[in-house]
Amino acid sequence: MALETSLEVASCAIWDSETKSLRAEAKFHAYQTLTQRLPELVQITLSNAQVGLTNISLIAVSLGPGSFTSVRVGLAFAKGLAMALEKPVLGVKTMDALALTASANENDLLVALYPSRPSRPTEVYAALFHIRNGCPVQEGAEIVSDFSDLVAMLRARPETQIVFAGVLPPGAASSLRGLYREKRVALPLTPCFPSASLVAWRAWERWLQCPKSDDPVALKPHYVLPSSAEARFGIVVSLRD
């Protein structure tokens, strides 16, 4: 079972390890009601998949970046469920999951991105990947940037083919004009937001490579931006070990 709560639309998915396919996924808009509605979302997904909690063998959860509160709620729920059921838990970086949606080649630069916050519509979270042995491998840390600044940075890079995955911000076409003249650019045919199905897919790949649970106590959100309280009041919010 996988949970994704980075953005305003939360989702839960059930991955079938025998058929290696998605069995069920449910989504709803629960930005300010996530704590109350997340258990309902899980129950709906389990019902649609026709399985019970006792049938779940692995719990995966998105770590962000994303909404400061929503990421923490999803992670806390997944960790609590894993410990209560005595099941392994895997934390998946949201960009790692999103990168799976792109078709890129070994020499391409893959750029995964999605909106950072509603108050800044042209600002995005972004991460760069290269393809190694058919799998996306991240280069450096995630960033948060205005899309026009991100494009300027991409124009200066040596790669000639750039593949975007995820969601482009409003007005992206005008920012991309200069990039089109210098690079070959592949854009997503439809916007692809972070989802529990992608988290489940990535977690299953990791589990096949190394069937070992993350430590549910040590597992933490993966933030890029400070919280609203940190930005407004200059304080530091952290999780105790």
Protein backbone atom coordinates (compact mmCIF):
# COMPACT_ATOMS: atom_id res chain seq x y z
CA MET A 1 0.00 0.00 0.00
CA ALA A 2 1.28 3.47 -0.88
CA LEU A 3 0.31 6.97 0.27
CA GLU A 4 1.02 10.28 -1.48
CA THR A 5 0.20 13.53 0.36
CA SER A 6 2.72 16.06 -0.98
CA LEU A 7 0.19 18.34 -2.70
CA GLU A 8 -3.48 19.30 -2.35
CA VAL A 9 -4.71 16.02 -3.85
CA ALA A 10 -3.97 13.04 -1.60
CA SER A 11 -3.96 9.49 -2.96
CA CYS A 12 -3.68 5.90 -1.82
CA ALA A 13 -2.81 2.91 -4.00
CA ILE A 14 -2.62 -0.86 -3.69
CA TRP A 15 0.12 -2.57 -5.70
CA ASP A 16 -0.19 -6.28 -6.48
CA SER A 17 3.26 -7.87 -6.17
CA GLU A 18 2.17 -11.08 -7.89
CA THR A 19 0.89 -9.45 -11.08
CA LYS A 20 3.29 -6.49 -10.78
CA SER A 21 0.44 -4.09 -11.45
CA LEU A 22 -1.77 -1.51 -9.78
CA ARG A 23 -4.81 -3.05 -8.16
CA ALA A 24 -6.61 0.10 -7.02
CA GLU A 25 -6.03 3.82 -6.48
CA ALA A 26 -8.24 6.49 -4.90
CA LYS A 27 -7.71 10.25 -4.74
CA PHE A 28 -9.39 13.26 -3.19
CA HIS A 29 -8.80 16.92 -2.53
CA ALA A 30 -8.05 17.07 1.19
CA TYR A 31 -5.60 19.91 1.67
CA GLN A 32 -7.04 21.16 4.99
CA THR A 33 -8.92 18.01 6.04
CA LEU A 34 -6.23 15.40 5.45
CA THR A 35 -5.94 14.29 9.08
CA GLN A 36 -9.65 13.53 9.29
CA ARG A 37 -10.08 12.01 5.83
CA LEU A 38 -6.92 9.97 5.31
CA PRO A 39 -8.25 6.86 7.14
CA GLU A 40 -11.36 7.02 4.92
CA LEU A 41 -9.18 7.23 1.81
CA VAL A 42 -7.28 4.12 2.89
CA GLN A 43 -10.48 2.19 3.57
CA ILE A 44 -11.95 3.13 0.19
CA THR A 45 -8.79 2.00 -1.60
CA LEU A 46 -8.66 -1.30 0.28
CA SER A 47 -12.34 -1.90 -0.52
CA ASN A 48 -11.81 -1.16 -4.22
CA ALA A 49 -8.85 -3.54 -4.28
CA GLN A 50 -10.87 -6.16 -2.37
CA VAL A 51 -8.17 -6.69 0.23
CA GLY A 52 -7.84 -6.05 3.95
CA LEU A 53 -5.07 -4.55 6.03
CA THR A 54 -3.90 -8.05 6.95
CA ASN A 55 -3.15 -8.67 3.25
CA ILE A 56 -0.76 -5.71 3.06
CA SER A 57 2.89 -6.80 3.14
CA LEU A 58 4.64 -3.43 2.60
CA ILE A 59 3.69 0.21 3.25
CA ALA A 60 5.22 2.99 1.15
CA VAL A 61 4.85 6.74 1.65
CA SER A 62 5.92 9.84 -0.23
CA LEU A 63 8.44 12.00 1.64
CA GLY A 64 8.03 15.20 -0.39
CA PRO A 65 9.01 17.91 -1.05
CA GLY A 66 5.58 19.46 -0.75
CA SER A 67 3.16 20.89 1.76
CA PHE A 68 4.89 21.03 5.14
CA THR A 69 1.84 19.79 7.07
CA SER A 70 0.44 17.32 4.54
CA VAL A 71 3.74 15.48 4.08
CA ARG A 72 4.05 15.10 7.87
CA VAL A 73 0.46 13.84 8.19
CA GLY A 74 0.93 11.21 5.49
CA LEU A 75 4.26 10.08 6.88
CA ALA A 76 2.98 9.88 10.46
CA PHE A 77 -0.02 7.83 9.33
CA ALA A 78 2.13 5.41 7.32
CA LYS A 79 4.65 4.98 10.12
CA GLY A 80 1.93 4.38 12.70
CA LEU A 81 0.19 1.85 10.47
CA ALA A 82 3.43 0.03 9.73
CA MET A 83 4.33 -0.25 13.42
CA ALA A 84 0.80 -1.30 14.42
CA LEU A 85 0.68 -4.01 11.73
CA GLU A 86 4.36 -4.90 12.19
CA LYS A 87 4.96 -4.42 8.47
CA PRO A 88 7.99 -2.91 6.67
CA VAL A 89 7.78 0.72 5.56
CA LEU A 90 9.62 2.53 2.75
CA GLY A 91 9.90 6.29 2.36
CA VAL A 92 10.02 7.38 -1.30
CA LYS A 93 11.17 10.80 -2.46
CA THR A 94 8.41 12.28 -4.57
CA MET A 95 10.77 13.22 -7.41
CA ASP A 96 12.10 9.66 -7.61
CA ALA A 97 8.57 8.42 -8.19
CA LEU A 98 7.67 11.17 -10.66
CA ALA A 99 10.76 10.49 -12.77
CA LEU A 100 9.36 7.04 -13.62
CA THR A 101 6.74 8.65 -15.89
CA ALA A 102 9.26 9.89 -18.48
CA SER A 103 10.68 8.07 -21.49
CA ALA A 104 14.31 9.17 -21.59
CA ASN A 105 17.54 7.78 -23.04
CA GLU A 106 21.02 7.40 -21.59
CA ASN A 107 22.31 10.78 -22.81
CA ASP A 108 19.17 12.77 -22.00
CA LEU A 109 18.70 15.13 -19.09
CA LEU A 110 15.44 14.31 -17.32
CA VAL A 111 13.79 17.15 -15.40
CA ALA A 112 11.03 16.19 -12.95
CA LEU A 113 8.98 19.12 -11.65
CA TYR A 114 5.66 20.13 -10.10
CA PRO A 115 4.16 23.26 -8.44
CA SER A 116 5.67 24.40 -5.16
CA ARG A 117 2.92 26.56 -3.62
CA PRO A 118 -0.32 28.22 -4.77
CA SER A 119 0.87 31.72 -3.86
CA ARG A 120 3.67 31.50 -6.48
CA PRO A 121 2.16 29.93 -9.61
CA THR A 122 5.37 29.97 -11.70
CA GLU A 123 7.55 28.49 -8.96
CA VAL A 124 8.32 24.76 -9.10
CA TYR A 125 10.08 22.01 -7.25
CA ALA A 126 12.54 20.38 -9.64
CA ALA A 127 15.12 17.61 -9.74
CA LEU A 128 17.54 16.54 -12.47
CA PHE A 129 18.11 12.93 -13.48
CA HIS A 130 20.28 10.94 -15.86
CA ILE A 131 19.40 7.47 -17.09
CA ARG A 132 21.77 4.76 -15.91
CA ASN A 133 21.11 1.15 -16.98
CA GLY A 134 17.56 2.11 -17.85
CA CYS A 135 16.80 3.73 -14.48
CA PRO A 136 16.67 7.44 -13.54
CA VAL A 137 19.49 8.47 -11.19
CA GLN A 138 19.21 11.85 -9.51
CA GLU A 139 21.92 14.48 -9.94
CA GLY A 140 22.28 16.72 -6.90
CA ALA A 141 19.51 17.82 -4.56
CA GLU A 142 16.00 19.00 -5.34
CA ILE A 143 15.60 22.73 -5.87
CA VAL A 144 12.80 25.26 -5.75
CA SER A 145 12.93 27.87 -8.50
CA ASP A 146 10.89 30.13 -10.71
CA PHE A 147 10.39 28.21 -13.94
CA SER A 148 12.10 30.91 -16.03
CA ASP A 149 15.22 30.65 -13.85
CA LEU A 150 15.17 26.87 -14.15
CA VAL A 151 15.03 27.14 -17.96
CA ALA A 152 17.95 29.57 -17.95
CA MET A 153 19.97 27.06 -15.96
CA LEU A 154 19.05 24.27 -18.38
CA ARG A 155 20.14 26.35 -21.38
CA ALA A 156 23.65 26.54 -19.89
CA ARG A 157 23.97 22.78 -19.47
CA PRO A 158 25.83 20.60 -22.04
CA GLU A 159 23.02 18.10 -22.69
CA THR A 160 21.35 18.50 -26.08
CA GLN A 161 18.17 16.54 -25.26
CA ILE A 162 16.01 17.54 -22.28
CA VAL A 163 12.96 15.54 -21.19
CA PHE A 164 10.44 17.07 -18.80
CA ALA A 165 8.23 14.99 -16.50
CA GLY A 166 5.49 16.19 -14.20
CA VAL A 167 3.60 19.47 -14.40
CA LEU A 168 4.62 22.66 -16.22
CA PRO A 169 3.54 25.96 -14.62
CA PRO A 170 1.28 28.57 -16.29
CA GLY A 171 3.10 30.54 -18.98
CA ALA A 172 5.73 27.83 -19.48
CA ALA A 173 5.60 28.16 -23.27
CA SER A 174 7.09 31.65 -23.28
CA SER A 175 9.93 30.61 -20.97
CA LEU A 176 10.73 27.60 -23.17
CA ARG A 177 11.11 29.49 -26.47
CA GLY A 178 14.83 30.11 -26.04
CA LEU A 179 15.40 26.53 -24.92
CA TYR A 180 13.68 25.20 -28.06
CA ARG A 181 16.22 27.04 -30.23
CA GLU A 182 19.21 25.43 -28.50
CA LYS A 183 18.04 21.99 -27.34
CA ARG A 184 15.72 19.19 -28.30
CA VAL A 185 12.93 19.31 -25.75
CA ALA A 186 10.36 16.63 -24.91
CA LEU A 187 7.37 17.73 -22.84
CA PRO A 188 4.80 15.57 -21.01
CA LEU A 189 1.74 14.95 -23.22
CA THR A 190 -0.51 15.46 -20.19
CA PRO A 191 0.30 16.91 -16.76
CA CYS A 192 1.39 14.19 -14.35
CA PHE A 193 1.09 15.06 -10.67
CA PRO A 194 2.69 13.01 -7.89
CA SER A 195 0.47 10.02 -7.08
CA ALA A 196 0.37 7.00 -4.81
CA SER A 197 0.55 4.66 -7.81
CA LEU A 198 3.96 6.09 -8.73
CA VAL A 199 5.11 5.83 -5.11
CA ALA A 200 4.01 2.18 -5.06
CA TRP A 201 5.86 1.49 -8.32
CA ARG A 202 9.08 3.07 -7.05
CA ALA A 203 8.84 1.36 -3.66
CA TRP A 204 8.35 -2.03 -5.29
CA GLU A 205 11.44 -1.49 -7.47
CA ARG A 206 13.47 -0.63 -4.37
CA TRP A 207 12.12 -3.63 -2.48
CA LEU A 208 13.16 -5.99 -5.28
CA GLN A 209 16.67 -4.55 -5.17
CA CYS A 210 16.93 -4.57 -1.37
CA PRO A 211 14.08 -6.08 0.68
CA LYS A 212 14.81 -4.09 3.83
CA SER A 213 12.50 -1.76 5.72
CA ASP A 214 13.37 1.82 6.54
CA ASP A 215 13.53 2.62 10.23
CA PRO A 216 10.02 3.98 11.00
CA VAL A 217 11.35 6.03 13.90
CA ALA A 218 14.15 7.68 11.93
CA LEU A 219 12.14 8.22 8.71
CA LYS A 220 11.62 11.96 8.13
CA PRO A 221 9.97 14.25 5.56
CA HIS A 222 12.12 15.53 2.71
CA TYR A 223 11.66 19.29 2.60
CA VAL A 224 13.14 21.93 0.28
CA LEU A 225 11.24 25.03 1.37
CA PRO A 226 10.96 26.20 5.01
CA SER A 227 7.57 25.96 6.70
CA SER A 228 5.33 29.03 6.88
CA ALA A 229 6.24 29.47 10.55
CA GLU A 230 9.96 29.31 9.78
CA ALA A 231 9.64 31.82 6.95
CA ARG A 232 7.37 34.20 8.87
CA PHE A 233 8.89 34.15 12.34
CA GLY A 234 12.47 33.03 11.67
CA ILE A 235 12.17 29.89 13.78
CA VAL A 236 13.39 26.39 13.00
CA VAL A 237 10.93 23.49 13.00
CA SER A 238 12.47 20.02 13.17
CA LEU A 239 11.65 16.45 14.13
CA ARG A 240 13.32 15.00 17.21
CA ASP A 241 15.27 11.82 16.77
